[in-house]
Protein backbone atom coordinates (compact mmCIF):
# COMPACT_ATOMS: atom_id res chain seq x y z
CA UNK A 1 31.05 69.20 -22.18
CA UNK A 2 28.92 69.53 -19.07
CA UNK A 3 30.11 71.56 -16.11
CA UNK A 4 30.52 69.60 -12.91
CA UNK A 5 27.87 70.14 -10.28
CA UNK A 6 28.65 70.37 -6.59
CA UNK A 7 26.88 67.38 -5.01
CA UNK A 8 26.96 68.16 -1.31
CA UNK A 9 26.26 65.18 0.93
CA UNK A 10 23.15 66.82 2.34
CA UNK A 11 21.34 63.49 2.09
CA UNK A 12 23.37 62.41 5.10
CA UNK A 13 23.27 65.59 7.18
CA UNK A 14 19.85 67.13 6.64
CA UNK A 15 18.40 69.03 9.59
CA UNK A 16 14.83 68.80 10.81
CA UNK A 17 12.47 71.66 9.97
CA UNK A 18 9.21 72.92 11.38
CA UNK A 19 5.88 71.67 10.07
CA UNK A 20 5.15 75.09 8.57
CA UNK A 21 7.82 77.40 7.22
CA UNK A 22 8.17 80.08 4.59
CA UNK A 23 11.38 81.16 2.92
CA UNK A 24 12.51 84.07 0.79
CA UNK A 25 15.58 83.46 -1.35
CA UNK A 26 17.79 85.20 -3.87
CA UNK A 27 20.86 84.15 -5.80
CA UNK A 28 23.27 85.37 -8.46
CA UNK A 29 24.43 82.96 -11.16
CA UNK A 30 27.12 83.21 -13.84
CA UNK A 31 27.36 80.70 -16.70
CA UNK A 32 30.28 81.27 -19.08
CA UNK A 33 30.61 79.04 -22.15
CA UNK A 34 33.46 79.12 -24.65
CA UNK A 35 32.62 76.41 -27.13
CA UNK A 36 31.00 74.11 -24.57
CA UNK A 37 28.33 71.91 -26.16
CA UNK A 38 25.73 70.70 -23.66
CA UNK A 39 24.28 68.09 -25.97
CA UNK A 40 22.42 66.31 -23.16
CA UNK A 41 20.91 69.48 -21.65
CA UNK A 42 17.23 69.54 -22.65
CA UNK A 43 16.78 73.33 -22.35
CA UNK A 44 20.09 74.43 -23.83
CA UNK A 45 21.31 77.48 -25.73
CA UNK A 46 24.58 76.72 -27.49
CA UNK A 47 27.40 79.11 -26.68
CA UNK A 48 25.26 81.56 -24.68
CA UNK A 49 26.90 82.92 -21.52
CA UNK A 50 24.47 84.33 -18.96
CA UNK A 51 24.45 86.46 -15.82
CA UNK A 52 21.27 85.86 -13.82
CA UNK A 53 19.64 87.15 -10.65
CA UNK A 54 16.96 84.94 -9.08
CA UNK A 55 14.46 86.05 -6.43
CA UNK A 56 11.75 83.83 -5.04
CA UNK A 57 9.49 82.79 -2.19
CA UNK A 58 8.63 79.32 -0.90
CA UNK A 59 6.11 78.27 1.70
CA UNK A 60 5.79 74.77 3.16
CA UNK A 61 2.95 73.16 5.07
CA UNK A 62 0.18 75.48 3.86
CA UNK A 63 -3.43 74.35 3.45
CA UNK A 64 -3.25 70.68 4.33
CA UNK A 65 0.01 69.18 3.06
CA UNK A 66 0.62 71.68 0.24
CA UNK A 67 3.86 73.53 -0.53
CA UNK A 68 4.27 76.29 -3.11
CA UNK A 69 7.13 78.21 -4.68
CA UNK A 70 7.44 81.10 -7.11
CA UNK A 71 10.63 82.60 -8.55
CA UNK A 72 11.63 85.29 -11.03
CA UNK A 73 14.88 85.20 -13.00
CA UNK A 74 16.38 88.39 -14.39
CA UNK A 75 19.10 87.50 -16.91
CA UNK A 76 21.60 89.25 -19.14
CA UNK A 77 22.60 86.77 -21.87
CA UNK A 78 25.67 87.30 -24.05
CA UNK A 79 24.90 86.39 -27.66
CA UNK A 80 28.19 87.70 -29.07
CA UNK A 81 29.58 84.19 -29.61
CA UNK A 82 26.49 82.81 -31.39
CA UNK A 83 26.81 82.86 -35.19
CA UNK A 84 23.71 82.99 -37.37
CA UNK A 85 24.02 81.92 -41.02
CA UNK A 86 21.61 82.89 -43.78
CA UNK A 87 20.75 80.82 -46.87
CA UNK A 88 23.93 81.99 -48.58
CA UNK A 89 26.02 80.99 -45.54
CA UNK A 90 26.80 84.59 -44.67
CA UNK A 91 27.55 84.86 -40.95
CA UNK A 92 26.26 87.41 -38.49
CA UNK A 93 26.47 87.60 -34.72
CA UNK A 94 23.18 87.03 -32.92
CA UNK A 95 24.03 89.95 -30.62
CA UNK A 96 23.72 92.28 -33.63
CA UNK A 97 20.18 91.04 -34.28
CA UNK A 98 18.80 91.23 -30.72
CA UNK A 99 17.71 94.61 -29.37
CA UNK A 100 16.74 93.59 -25.81
CA UNK A 101 19.69 93.10 -23.44
CA UNK A 102 17.70 91.92 -20.42
CA UNK A 103 15.33 88.98 -20.21
CA UNK A 104 12.82 87.88 -17.59
CA UNK A 105 11.53 84.39 -16.86
CA UNK A 106 9.45 82.87 -14.09
CA UNK A 107 8.83 79.55 -12.38
CA UNK A 108 5.76 78.49 -10.38
CA UNK A 109 5.50 75.18 -8.59
CA UNK A 110 3.20 73.33 -6.21
CA UNK A 111 3.85 70.19 -4.18
CA UNK A 112 1.59 67.85 -2.24
CA UNK A 113 3.07 65.76 0.57
CA UNK A 114 1.22 63.28 2.71
CA UNK A 115 2.79 60.39 4.54
CA UNK A 116 5.11 58.50 2.22
CA UNK A 117 3.82 60.17 -0.95
CA UNK A 118 4.91 63.36 -2.66
CA UNK A 119 3.69 64.80 -5.98
CA UNK A 120 4.62 68.08 -7.64
CA UNK A 121 3.87 70.22 -10.68
CA UNK A 122 6.02 73.06 -11.99
CA UNK A 123 5.78 75.54 -14.86
CA UNK A 124 8.63 77.75 -16.00
CA UNK A 125 8.97 80.00 -19.01
CA UNK A 126 10.00 83.27 -20.59
CA UNK A 127 8.00 86.42 -19.80
CA UNK A 128 9.81 88.73 -22.22
CA UNK A 129 11.09 88.43 -25.77
CA UNK A 130 14.11 86.19 -26.26
CA UNK A 131 15.66 84.42 -29.27
CA UNK A 132 15.50 81.27 -27.13
CA UNK A 133 12.12 81.87 -25.45
CA UNK A 134 10.80 78.73 -23.76
CA UNK A 135 8.09 77.11 -21.69
CA UNK A 136 8.47 73.89 -19.73
CA UNK A 137 6.20 71.73 -17.61
CA UNK A 138 7.43 69.27 -14.98
CA UNK A 139 5.39 66.60 -13.18
CA UNK A 140 6.92 64.28 -10.59
CA UNK A 141 5.93 61.68 -8.01
CA UNK A 142 7.97 60.13 -5.17
CA UNK A 143 7.17 57.46 -2.63
CA UNK A 144 9.20 56.27 0.34
CA UNK A 145 9.24 52.84 1.95
CA UNK A 146 10.62 51.16 5.07
CA UNK A 147 10.65 54.23 7.31
CA UNK A 148 11.95 56.40 4.42
CA UNK A 149 15.09 54.32 3.96
CA UNK A 150 14.01 53.60 0.37
CA UNK A 151 12.70 56.26 -2.02
CA UNK A 152 11.60 55.80 -5.64
CA UNK A 153 10.41 58.49 -8.00
CA UNK A 154 9.30 59.19 -11.55
CA UNK A 155 9.15 62.48 -13.41
CA UNK A 156 8.40 63.87 -16.84
CA UNK A 157 9.25 67.13 -18.59
CA UNK A 158 7.81 68.78 -21.68
CA UNK A 159 9.69 71.69 -23.23
CA UNK A 160 8.78 74.13 -25.99
CA UNK A 161 11.72 76.29 -27.04
CA UNK A 162 12.11 78.79 -29.86
CA UNK A 163 15.37 79.38 -31.71
CA UNK A 164 16.54 82.05 -34.18
CA UNK A 165 16.33 81.30 -37.89
CA UNK A 166 19.62 79.93 -39.17
CA UNK A 167 20.98 77.61 -41.87
CA UNK A 168 23.78 75.07 -42.26
CA UNK A 169 25.36 72.81 -44.91
CA UNK A 170 24.68 69.09 -44.61
CA UNK A 171 27.12 66.31 -45.54
CA UNK A 172 26.10 66.66 -49.22
CA UNK A 173 26.66 70.45 -49.10
CA UNK A 174 22.95 71.19 -49.37
CA UNK A 175 21.59 74.20 -47.47
CA UNK A 176 19.30 73.18 -44.61
CA UNK A 177 17.41 75.35 -42.16
CA UNK A 178 17.58 74.70 -38.45
CA UNK A 179 14.29 74.25 -36.57
CA UNK A 180 12.95 77.45 -35.04
CA UNK A 181 10.45 75.64 -32.82
CA UNK A 182 11.75 72.72 -30.78
CA UNK A 183 9.71 70.30 -28.69
CA UNK A 184 11.60 68.44 -25.98
CA UNK A 185 10.54 65.57 -23.74
CA UNK A 186 12.24 63.80 -20.85
CA UNK A 187 11.24 60.87 -18.64
CA UNK A 188 13.17 59.91 -15.52
CA UNK A 189 13.13 57.17 -12.89
CA UNK A 190 15.10 57.62 -9.66
CA UNK A 191 15.82 55.52 -6.61
CA UNK A 192 17.56 56.10 -3.27
CA UNK A 193 18.53 53.52 -0.68
CA UNK A 194 20.00 54.03 2.79
CA UNK A 195 22.28 51.07 3.39
CA UNK A 196 23.10 52.25 6.91
CA UNK A 197 22.99 55.40 8.99
CA UNK A 198 26.21 56.49 7.24
CA UNK A 199 25.88 55.15 3.70
CA UNK A 200 23.38 56.04 1.00
CA UNK A 201 23.27 55.13 -2.69
CA UNK A 202 21.15 56.58 -5.50
CA UNK A 203 20.48 55.77 -9.15
CA UNK A 204 18.90 57.70 -12.00
CA UNK A 205 17.73 56.46 -15.41
CA UNK A 206 16.51 59.02 -17.92
CA UNK A 207 15.55 59.28 -21.58
CA UNK A 208 15.14 62.59 -23.38
CA UNK A 209 14.99 64.09 -26.86
CA UNK A 210 14.73 67.43 -28.63
CA UNK A 211 12.39 66.04 -31.27
CA UNK A 212 13.16 68.30 -34.24
CA UNK A 213 16.89 68.49 -33.62
CA UNK A 214 18.54 65.38 -32.16
CA UNK A 215 18.09 61.60 -31.78
CA UNK A 216 16.82 60.42 -28.39
CA UNK A 217 19.42 59.81 -25.68
CA UNK A 218 19.61 57.57 -22.64
CA UNK A 219 21.38 58.56 -19.43
CA UNK A 220 22.41 56.59 -16.34
CA UNK A 221 23.71 58.21 -13.15
CA UNK A 222 24.92 56.30 -10.08
CA UNK A 223 25.75 58.09 -6.83
CA UNK A 224 26.83 57.15 -3.35
CA UNK A 225 27.67 59.13 -0.24
CA UNK A 226 29.31 57.98 2.96
CA UNK A 227 29.72 59.73 6.31
CA UNK A 228 33.27 59.02 7.47
CA UNK A 229 32.48 60.87 10.71
CA UNK A 230 29.97 63.42 11.96
CA UNK A 231 31.91 66.14 10.11
CA UNK A 232 33.52 64.44 7.09
CA UNK A 233 31.57 63.06 4.12
CA UNK A 234 32.71 61.56 0.82
CA UNK A 235 30.77 61.04 -2.39
CA UNK A 236 31.22 59.33 -5.75
CA UNK A 237 29.29 59.65 -8.98
CA UNK A 238 29.30 57.83 -12.33
CA UNK A 239 27.59 59.19 -15.47
CA UNK A 240 26.93 57.60 -18.84
CA UNK A 241 24.85 59.10 -21.65
CA UNK A 242 24.50 58.12 -25.29
CA UNK A 243 22.35 59.00 -28.26
CA UNK A 244 20.61 56.13 -30.04
CA UNK A 245 22.48 55.15 -33.22
CA UNK A 246 19.34 53.49 -34.63
CA UNK A 247 17.66 56.89 -35.14
CA UNK A 248 18.83 58.97 -38.15
CA UNK A 249 20.74 62.20 -37.51
CA UNK A 250 18.84 65.43 -38.10
CA UNK A 251 21.61 68.02 -38.47
CA UNK A 252 25.31 68.27 -39.31
CA UNK A 253 26.50 66.91 -35.95
CA UNK A 254 27.19 63.24 -35.31
CA UNK A 255 26.10 60.95 -32.48
CA UNK A 256 27.33 61.94 -29.03
CA UNK A 257 28.31 59.82 -26.05
CA UNK A 258 29.52 60.90 -22.59
CA UNK A 259 31.27 58.88 -19.91
CA UNK A 260 32.33 60.50 -16.66
CA UNK A 261 33.08 60.10 -12.99
CA UNK A 262 33.31 62.39 -9.98
CA UNK A 263 34.66 62.20 -6.44
CA UNK A 264 33.81 64.75 -3.76
CA UNK A 265 34.70 65.60 -0.18
CA UNK A 266 32.50 67.58 2.19
CA UNK A 267 33.81 68.83 5.54
CA UNK A 268 31.85 70.52 8.33
CA UNK A 269 34.61 72.40 10.26
CA UNK A 270 31.99 73.85 12.57
CA UNK A 271 28.26 73.45 13.01
CA UNK A 272 26.20 74.27 9.89
CA UNK A 273 29.23 75.34 7.83
CA UNK A 274 29.93 73.00 4.91
CA UNK A 275 32.90 73.05 2.52
CA UNK A 276 32.74 70.81 -0.55
CA UNK A 277 35.44 70.13 -3.14
CA UNK A 278 35.03 67.80 -6.12
CA UNK A 279 36.99 66.57 -9.11
CA UNK A 280 35.64 64.83 -12.17
CA UNK A 281 36.79 63.49 -15.52
CA UNK A 282 34.47 63.49 -18.53
CA UNK A 283 35.15 61.86 -21.91
CA UNK A 284 32.91 62.88 -24.80
CA UNK A 285 33.02 61.44 -28.30
CA UNK A 286 31.17 62.36 -31.48
CA UNK A 287 30.81 59.90 -34.35
CA UNK A 288 29.29 60.70 -37.74
CA UNK A 289 28.81 57.55 -39.88
CA UNK A 290 27.91 59.68 -42.91
CA UNK A 291 31.46 61.02 -43.19
CA UNK A 292 33.38 58.55 -41.05
CA UNK A 293 34.43 61.35 -38.70
CA UNK A 294 35.14 60.46 -35.07
CA UNK A 295 36.26 62.99 -32.44
CA UNK A 296 36.99 62.39 -28.77
CA UNK A 297 37.41 65.10 -26.16
CA UNK A 298 38.43 64.64 -22.51
CA UNK A 299 37.95 67.26 -19.85
CA UNK A 300 39.00 67.84 -16.25
CA UNK A 301 36.27 69.27 -14.06
CA UNK A 302 36.71 71.04 -10.74
CA UNK A 303 34.04 72.23 -8.32
CA UNK A 304 33.95 74.03 -4.98
CA UNK A 305 31.00 74.83 -2.73
CA UNK A 306 30.42 76.62 0.58
CA UNK A 307 27.24 76.58 2.67
CA UNK A 308 26.64 78.26 6.00
CA UNK A 309 23.49 78.50 8.09
CA UNK A 310 23.25 81.33 10.63
CA UNK A 311 20.03 81.38 12.62
CA UNK A 312 17.32 81.82 9.95
CA UNK A 313 19.74 82.62 7.12
CA UNK A 314 21.48 80.13 4.84
CA UNK A 315 24.31 81.30 2.57
CA UNK A 316 25.56 79.39 -0.47
CA UNK A 317 28.48 79.80 -2.91
CA UNK A 318 29.26 77.28 -5.66
CA UNK A 319 31.65 77.28 -8.61
CA UNK A 320 32.57 74.73 -11.28
CA UNK A 321 35.15 74.83 -14.07
CA UNK A 322 35.65 72.54 -17.07
CA UNK A 323 38.81 72.48 -19.20
CA UNK A 324 39.35 70.08 -22.11
CA UNK A 325 42.33 69.00 -24.15
CA UNK A 326 40.91 70.99 -27.10
CA UNK A 327 40.72 74.23 -25.10
CA UNK A 328 36.93 74.00 -24.82
CA UNK A 329 35.98 75.35 -21.41
CA UNK A 330 33.03 76.40 -19.31
CA UNK A 331 32.61 78.17 -15.97
CA UNK A 332 29.57 78.16 -13.74
CA UNK A 333 29.33 80.06 -10.48
CA UNK A 334 26.44 80.96 -8.20
CA UNK A 335 25.86 82.44 -4.79
CA UNK A 336 22.76 83.13 -2.82
CA UNK A 337 20.98 83.47 0.49
CA UNK A 338 17.79 81.83 1.80
CA UNK A 339 15.87 83.41 4.68
CA UNK A 340 13.43 81.32 6.72
CA UNK A 341 10.69 83.67 7.88
């Protein structure tokens, strides 16, 4: 189950910025998983809860239309709920096999903006040893039309992720080893349309796959936001994702499909202070034609977000909670500050 994200209606209430700015930012993030399976998350680590501290710097408008950003992430993952099985199906906690308790990763990105066009490149990856060490590369392009009332974009991601050696029993009770090196790819097309000064809609179509592990999946996301007044904004979101049944399964799990919806309310009680609350319902089913097994799980999702801008400082707090009818749950919380220099 995927934790609900706080989708603040910033697309309707963005403020103008200077032609050249630089920002320093930091945030603290907590991601607690108790059985949550993020099957459609490309860079996922099953069952790993993490406490992270992010520090970074961004500058905009440097050297003729270029923007740049660099960030470091210091994390303390909890591997105590991850079971590793050997060839004889003996179980051992991953936390007993990992000596390092702290991990460091980095992200470096560059963006070029000129007129209606915007292109960006981003690299992120592990800098220290980790059982799930990774590298990813992102390339994206966006173009706006009709005085920026219409925006279309495309993006692509390549991921290389390592995983600890582990084994499982297939449907015929044969011992199989899980891949220790996983290549992931994702392609995405997005579109945004301002229907009026108060109403904006957006759509996202994506296809992704962890090549050695899962069949490819397709995902569709539809969003809309409406400004009821200058201080009240509402949003709606619909999500659908499904793995392709025409591609054979590669591990002991069946085919997954997600269907969900979300409604949100954002209020600006005073200038530059935003309060967002959201509720969503997600239904996830898993079907394995090899055994005839079919499982469906439904989850309620709650999210809350606060944002406040004070002079050159912007503060942010967000939290999301998922609870299913099978007692699978997940909690995500983050808070941070961004300082415009």
